[in-house]
Each structure stands twice: as C-alpha cells, then as structure tokens.
Amino acid sequence: MGKRDEWIAKYADDLQTKCGMTPDMDLLTKVTIGCGPSIYNADAQTIAASQESELELVKNNFLIKKLGLSDSPELMDGIHKAVETYGKSERNKYRAVVYYMLTKHFGKESVYA
C-alpha cells in the first residue's frame, strides 16, 4: 500500500468514526488526488478551522475555483457545517476530509467524474 493509499484509509476512518458518514471511496480518492502534494505536508494537510482567513481560503480556492460555485453566504454556512460535523474539538481536521464533505454537501460530485 502506497503513502497516498494510507492517507485515503485514514480519511475514510475519520469520515466513519468522527463524522458518522460512510465514504464513497471512489470520490474520496479523487478528492484526495485533487489536493495534490498538500496531503504530505503536516501544515497544509489540515485546516485551521478557528482562523477566519483559512476558511476564506477554503471558500475561494476550493468552493469557488475548484467546484465552480458562486460566492454567497451559503458557502461559509457549508464550511461551518462541515467543521461542526467533523467536531469543533477535533484538533486535526484533514483538508481532504473537509473537501470531501463540502463536495457532497453542495452536490458537486460531477466535478470529479
């Protein structure tokens, strides 16, 4: 099993145990690949959910640029919902897991088709 596969298994475990979701492994794999090399960087692989600037980056770089959504208050609501689902007390919120939840939340799985 390669490094990426190990991370995907870790993300799937987080989705099941911390978020109460059964992951679509094909979509999770594609979202993880879409994150690129950031999954191997300790700082870049997680989201600092308590920092508004970090959430703005998620909104602009992922929701608007990657998923093609229009800027609206619903985008930040979706991000806050994903963070809440992950658990506010959960220190490490993996970027790929949050992106996966946002992709599902906004029904944008077709971006990864």
N, C-alpha and C. Protein backbone atom coordinates (compact mmCIF):
# COMPACT_ATOMS: atom_id res chain seq x y z
N MET A 1 0.85 -1.18 0.00
CA MET A 1 0.00 0.00 0.00
C MET A 1 0.90 1.24 0.00
N GLY A 2 0.62 2.15 -0.92
CA GLY A 2 1.42 3.37 -1.03
C GLY A 2 1.03 4.40 0.02
N LYS A 3 1.84 5.45 0.11
CA LYS A 3 1.60 6.53 1.07
C LYS A 3 0.21 7.14 0.89
N ARG A 4 -0.13 7.44 -0.39
CA ARG A 4 -1.43 8.06 -0.65
C ARG A 4 -2.57 7.14 -0.19
N ASP A 5 -2.44 5.84 -0.45
CA ASP A 5 -3.47 4.90 -0.03
C ASP A 5 -3.62 4.88 1.49
N GLU A 6 -2.51 5.03 2.19
CA GLU A 6 -2.57 5.07 3.66
C GLU A 6 -3.35 6.30 4.12
N TRP A 7 -3.10 7.45 3.47
CA TRP A 7 -3.83 8.67 3.84
C TRP A 7 -5.31 8.52 3.53
N ILE A 8 -5.63 7.94 2.37
CA ILE A 8 -7.04 7.76 1.99
C ILE A 8 -7.74 6.87 3.02
N ALA A 9 -7.07 5.82 3.48
CA ALA A 9 -7.65 4.94 4.51
C ALA A 9 -7.87 5.72 5.81
N LYS A 10 -6.92 6.60 6.16
CA LYS A 10 -7.05 7.43 7.36
C LYS A 10 -8.24 8.39 7.23
N TYR A 11 -8.38 9.00 6.05
CA TYR A 11 -9.50 9.92 5.81
C TYR A 11 -10.84 9.17 5.88
N ALA A 12 -10.88 7.97 5.30
CA ALA A 12 -12.11 7.17 5.34
C ALA A 12 -12.48 6.84 6.79
N ASP A 13 -11.45 6.52 7.60
CA ASP A 13 -11.69 6.22 9.01
C ASP A 13 -12.24 7.46 9.74
N ASP A 14 -11.67 8.63 9.46
CA ASP A 14 -12.17 9.87 10.06
C ASP A 14 -13.62 10.12 9.67
N LEU A 15 -13.94 9.90 8.39
CA LEU A 15 -15.32 10.12 7.94
C LEU A 15 -16.29 9.20 8.67
N GLN A 16 -15.86 7.95 8.89
CA GLN A 16 -16.74 6.98 9.56
C GLN A 16 -16.83 7.25 11.06
N THR A 17 -15.69 7.38 11.72
CA THR A 17 -15.69 7.46 13.18
C THR A 17 -15.99 8.84 13.73
N LYS A 18 -15.50 9.89 13.06
CA LYS A 18 -15.66 11.24 13.60
C LYS A 18 -16.82 12.00 12.98
N CYS A 19 -17.18 11.65 11.74
CA CYS A 19 -18.22 12.39 11.03
C CYS A 19 -19.50 11.58 10.85
N GLY A 20 -19.45 10.28 11.19
CA GLY A 20 -20.64 9.44 11.08
C GLY A 20 -21.12 9.24 9.65
N MET A 21 -20.18 9.21 8.69
CA MET A 21 -20.54 9.04 7.28
C MET A 21 -19.88 7.79 6.73
N THR A 22 -20.55 7.17 5.77
CA THR A 22 -19.94 6.08 5.04
C THR A 22 -19.37 6.69 3.77
N PRO A 23 -18.04 6.72 3.64
CA PRO A 23 -17.45 7.40 2.49
C PRO A 23 -17.62 6.66 1.17
N ASP A 24 -17.80 7.44 0.11
CA ASP A 24 -17.77 6.94 -1.26
C ASP A 24 -16.27 6.91 -1.58
N MET A 25 -15.67 5.73 -1.56
CA MET A 25 -14.22 5.61 -1.67
C MET A 25 -13.69 6.15 -3.01
N ASP A 26 -14.45 5.98 -4.07
CA ASP A 26 -14.02 6.50 -5.37
C ASP A 26 -13.93 8.02 -5.33
N LEU A 27 -14.96 8.66 -4.79
CA LEU A 27 -14.96 10.13 -4.68
C LEU A 27 -13.87 10.60 -3.72
N LEU A 28 -13.73 9.92 -2.58
CA LEU A 28 -12.71 10.30 -1.60
C LEU A 28 -11.31 10.22 -2.22
N THR A 29 -11.07 9.20 -3.01
CA THR A 29 -9.78 9.04 -3.69
C THR A 29 -9.55 10.21 -4.65
N LYS A 30 -10.57 10.56 -5.42
CA LYS A 30 -10.43 11.66 -6.39
C LYS A 30 -10.22 13.00 -5.68
N VAL A 31 -10.94 13.23 -4.59
CA VAL A 31 -10.77 14.48 -3.83
C VAL A 31 -9.35 14.54 -3.26
N THR A 32 -8.88 13.41 -2.74
CA THR A 32 -7.52 13.35 -2.17
C THR A 32 -6.48 13.64 -3.24
N ILE A 33 -6.63 13.03 -4.41
CA ILE A 33 -5.69 13.27 -5.51
C ILE A 33 -5.74 14.76 -5.90
N GLY A 34 -6.95 15.33 -5.87
CA GLY A 34 -7.11 16.75 -6.19
C GLY A 34 -6.41 17.68 -5.22
N CYS A 35 -6.17 17.22 -4.01
CA CYS A 35 -5.45 18.03 -3.02
C CYS A 35 -3.96 18.10 -3.34
N GLY A 36 -3.50 17.20 -4.19
CA GLY A 36 -2.09 17.21 -4.60
C GLY A 36 -1.14 16.91 -3.47
N PRO A 37 0.06 17.46 -3.55
CA PRO A 37 1.09 17.16 -2.56
C PRO A 37 0.81 17.71 -1.16
N SER A 38 -0.22 18.54 -1.03
CA SER A 38 -0.52 19.11 0.30
C SER A 38 -0.84 18.04 1.33
N ILE A 39 -1.30 16.86 0.89
CA ILE A 39 -1.64 15.81 1.87
C ILE A 39 -0.41 15.26 2.58
N TYR A 40 0.78 15.52 2.02
CA TYR A 40 2.01 15.03 2.65
C TYR A 40 2.69 16.08 3.52
N ASN A 41 2.14 17.29 3.55
CA ASN A 41 2.73 18.39 4.31
C ASN A 41 1.92 18.58 5.59
N ALA A 42 2.59 18.44 6.73
CA ALA A 42 1.90 18.50 8.03
C ALA A 42 1.06 19.76 8.21
N ASP A 43 1.54 20.88 7.74
CA ASP A 43 0.80 22.14 7.91
C ASP A 43 -0.34 22.25 6.90
N ALA A 44 -0.09 21.89 5.66
CA ALA A 44 -1.08 22.07 4.59
C ALA A 44 -2.18 21.02 4.59
N GLN A 45 -1.92 19.86 5.20
CA GLN A 45 -2.91 18.78 5.13
C GLN A 45 -4.11 19.00 6.06
N THR A 46 -3.99 19.95 6.98
CA THR A 46 -5.10 20.21 7.90
C THR A 46 -5.63 21.63 7.69
N ILE A 47 -6.83 21.84 8.17
CA ILE A 47 -7.47 23.15 8.08
C ILE A 47 -7.58 23.74 9.48
N ALA A 48 -7.11 24.96 9.62
CA ALA A 48 -7.22 25.67 10.90
C ALA A 48 -8.61 26.31 10.93
N ALA A 49 -9.57 25.53 11.40
CA ALA A 49 -10.98 25.95 11.34
C ALA A 49 -11.29 27.15 12.21
N SER A 50 -10.42 27.46 13.17
CA SER A 50 -10.68 28.60 14.04
C SER A 50 -10.18 29.91 13.43
N GLN A 51 -9.46 29.82 12.32
CA GLN A 51 -8.94 31.02 11.65
C GLN A 51 -9.84 31.39 10.47
N GLU A 52 -10.44 32.57 10.57
CA GLU A 52 -11.35 33.03 9.51
C GLU A 52 -10.63 33.11 8.16
N SER A 53 -9.34 33.51 8.18
CA SER A 53 -8.59 33.63 6.92
C SER A 53 -8.44 32.27 6.23
N GLU A 54 -8.29 31.21 7.03
CA GLU A 54 -8.18 29.85 6.47
C GLU A 54 -9.50 29.43 5.83
N LEU A 55 -10.60 29.76 6.49
CA LEU A 55 -11.92 29.41 5.95
C LEU A 55 -12.20 30.18 4.66
N GLU A 56 -11.71 31.42 4.59
CA GLU A 56 -11.85 32.21 3.36
C GLU A 56 -11.07 31.56 2.21
N LEU A 57 -9.89 31.02 2.53
CA LEU A 57 -9.10 30.32 1.51
C LEU A 57 -9.84 29.09 1.01
N VAL A 58 -10.45 28.34 1.91
CA VAL A 58 -11.22 27.15 1.51
C VAL A 58 -12.36 27.58 0.59
N LYS A 59 -13.04 28.67 0.99
CA LYS A 59 -14.16 29.17 0.19
C LYS A 59 -13.69 29.58 -1.21
N ASN A 60 -12.66 30.43 -1.26
CA ASN A 60 -12.21 30.97 -2.55
C ASN A 60 -11.50 29.95 -3.43
N ASN A 61 -10.57 29.20 -2.84
CA ASN A 61 -9.75 28.28 -3.64
C ASN A 61 -10.43 26.96 -3.95
N PHE A 62 -11.29 26.49 -3.05
CA PHE A 62 -11.93 25.20 -3.31
C PHE A 62 -13.36 25.36 -3.82
N LEU A 63 -14.20 26.01 -3.03
CA LEU A 63 -15.62 26.09 -3.41
C LEU A 63 -15.84 26.91 -4.69
N ILE A 64 -15.18 28.05 -4.79
CA ILE A 64 -15.41 28.92 -5.95
C ILE A 64 -14.57 28.48 -7.15
N LYS A 65 -13.24 28.33 -6.95
CA LYS A 65 -12.37 27.98 -8.08
C LYS A 65 -12.52 26.53 -8.53
N LYS A 66 -12.45 25.59 -7.58
CA LYS A 66 -12.46 24.16 -7.95
C LYS A 66 -13.87 23.66 -8.26
N LEU A 67 -14.82 23.94 -7.35
CA LEU A 67 -16.17 23.41 -7.56
C LEU A 67 -17.03 24.31 -8.45
N GLY A 68 -16.57 25.54 -8.69
CA GLY A 68 -17.29 26.43 -9.59
C GLY A 68 -18.56 27.03 -9.01
N LEU A 69 -18.62 27.15 -7.69
CA LEU A 69 -19.80 27.73 -7.04
C LEU A 69 -19.71 29.26 -7.05
N SER A 70 -20.85 29.91 -7.02
CA SER A 70 -20.89 31.37 -6.95
C SER A 70 -20.78 31.79 -5.50
N ASP A 71 -20.08 32.90 -5.27
CA ASP A 71 -19.90 33.41 -3.91
C ASP A 71 -21.25 33.80 -3.32
N SER A 72 -21.54 33.24 -2.15
CA SER A 72 -22.77 33.57 -1.44
C SER A 72 -22.59 33.16 0.03
N PRO A 73 -23.47 33.66 0.91
CA PRO A 73 -23.36 33.29 2.33
C PRO A 73 -23.50 31.78 2.57
N GLU A 74 -24.16 31.07 1.64
CA GLU A 74 -24.34 29.62 1.78
C GLU A 74 -23.00 28.89 1.79
N LEU A 75 -22.00 29.46 1.11
CA LEU A 75 -20.69 28.79 1.05
C LEU A 75 -20.07 28.72 2.44
N MET A 76 -20.06 29.83 3.15
CA MET A 76 -19.48 29.84 4.51
C MET A 76 -20.34 28.98 5.45
N ASP A 77 -21.65 28.99 5.25
CA ASP A 77 -22.53 28.13 6.05
C ASP A 77 -22.15 26.66 5.86
N GLY A 78 -21.88 26.28 4.61
CA GLY A 78 -21.48 24.91 4.31
C GLY A 78 -20.16 24.54 4.96
N ILE A 79 -19.22 25.48 4.95
CA ILE A 79 -17.92 25.24 5.58
C ILE A 79 -18.09 25.06 7.09
N HIS A 80 -18.88 25.94 7.71
CA HIS A 80 -19.12 25.82 9.15
C HIS A 80 -19.83 24.51 9.49
N LYS A 81 -20.74 24.08 8.64
CA LYS A 81 -21.45 22.81 8.86
C LYS A 81 -20.47 21.64 8.79
N ALA A 82 -19.56 21.67 7.81
CA ALA A 82 -18.57 20.59 7.67
C ALA A 82 -17.65 20.55 8.90
N VAL A 83 -17.23 21.73 9.37
CA VAL A 83 -16.36 21.80 10.55
C VAL A 83 -17.10 21.27 11.77
N GLU A 84 -18.37 21.62 11.88
CA GLU A 84 -19.17 21.14 13.02
C GLU A 84 -19.36 19.62 12.96
N THR A 85 -19.60 19.10 11.75
CA THR A 85 -19.76 17.65 11.57
C THR A 85 -18.48 16.93 11.99
N TYR A 86 -17.33 17.50 11.61
CA TYR A 86 -16.02 16.91 11.95
C TYR A 86 -15.82 16.96 13.46
N GLY A 87 -16.36 17.97 14.11
CA GLY A 87 -16.23 18.13 15.55
C GLY A 87 -15.30 19.29 15.86
N LYS A 88 -15.85 20.32 16.48
CA LYS A 88 -15.05 21.51 16.79
C LYS A 88 -13.84 21.17 17.67
N SER A 89 -13.99 20.18 18.53
CA SER A 89 -12.91 19.80 19.44
C SER A 89 -11.83 18.97 18.74
N GLU A 90 -12.13 18.47 17.54
CA GLU A 90 -11.17 17.66 16.79
C GLU A 90 -10.04 18.56 16.31
N ARG A 91 -8.84 18.32 16.83
CA ARG A 91 -7.71 19.20 16.53
C ARG A 91 -7.28 19.13 15.07
N ASN A 92 -7.15 17.93 14.52
CA ASN A 92 -6.72 17.77 13.14
C ASN A 92 -7.91 17.55 12.22
N LYS A 93 -8.25 18.59 11.51
CA LYS A 93 -9.32 18.48 10.51
C LYS A 93 -8.61 18.38 9.15
N TYR A 94 -8.57 17.17 8.63
CA TYR A 94 -7.85 16.96 7.38
C TYR A 94 -8.56 17.63 6.21
N ARG A 95 -7.75 18.33 5.41
CA ARG A 95 -8.25 19.08 4.25
C ARG A 95 -9.06 18.18 3.32
N ALA A 96 -8.55 17.00 3.01
CA ALA A 96 -9.25 16.11 2.07
C ALA A 96 -10.62 15.70 2.62
N VAL A 97 -10.72 15.50 3.93
CA VAL A 97 -11.99 15.11 4.55
C VAL A 97 -12.99 16.27 4.47
N VAL A 98 -12.53 17.47 4.79
CA VAL A 98 -13.40 18.65 4.73
C VAL A 98 -13.83 18.90 3.28
N TYR A 99 -12.90 18.79 2.34
CA TYR A 99 -13.23 18.99 0.93
C TYR A 99 -14.24 17.94 0.45
N TYR A 100 -14.05 16.71 0.90
CA TYR A 100 -14.99 15.64 0.55
C TYR A 100 -16.40 15.99 1.05
N MET A 101 -16.50 16.40 2.33
CA MET A 101 -17.81 16.75 2.90
C MET A 101 -18.43 17.93 2.16
N LEU A 102 -17.62 18.91 1.78
CA LEU A 102 -18.14 20.07 1.05
C LEU A 102 -18.61 19.67 -0.35
N THR A 103 -17.87 18.78 -1.00
CA THR A 103 -18.27 18.29 -2.32
C THR A 103 -19.63 17.61 -2.24
N LYS A 104 -19.82 16.76 -1.21
CA LYS A 104 -21.10 16.08 -1.01
C LYS A 104 -22.20 17.09 -0.64
N HIS A 105 -21.88 18.00 0.28
CA HIS A 105 -22.86 18.99 0.76
C HIS A 105 -23.44 19.81 -0.38
N PHE A 106 -22.57 20.25 -1.29
CA PHE A 106 -23.02 21.10 -2.40
C PHE A 106 -23.40 20.30 -3.65
N GLY A 107 -23.37 18.95 -3.55
CA GLY A 107 -23.79 18.11 -4.66
C GLY A 107 -22.92 18.29 -5.91
N LYS A 108 -21.62 18.48 -5.71
CA LYS A 108 -20.72 18.75 -6.83
C LYS A 108 -19.82 17.56 -7.17
N GLU A 109 -20.31 16.35 -6.93
CA GLU A 109 -19.52 15.15 -7.23
C GLU A 109 -19.13 15.10 -8.70
N SER A 110 -19.94 15.71 -9.57
CA SER A 110 -19.68 15.68 -11.02
C SER A 110 -18.35 16.34 -11.38
N VAL A 111 -17.85 17.24 -10.53
CA VAL A 111 -16.55 17.90 -10.78
C VAL A 111 -15.45 16.84 -10.85
N TYR A 112 -15.62 15.76 -10.08
CA TYR A 112 -14.60 14.71 -10.01
C TYR A 112 -14.92 13.51 -10.92
N ALA A 113 -15.95 13.63 -11.73
CA ALA A 113 -16.37 12.49 -12.58
C ALA A 113 -15.35 12.21 -13.66
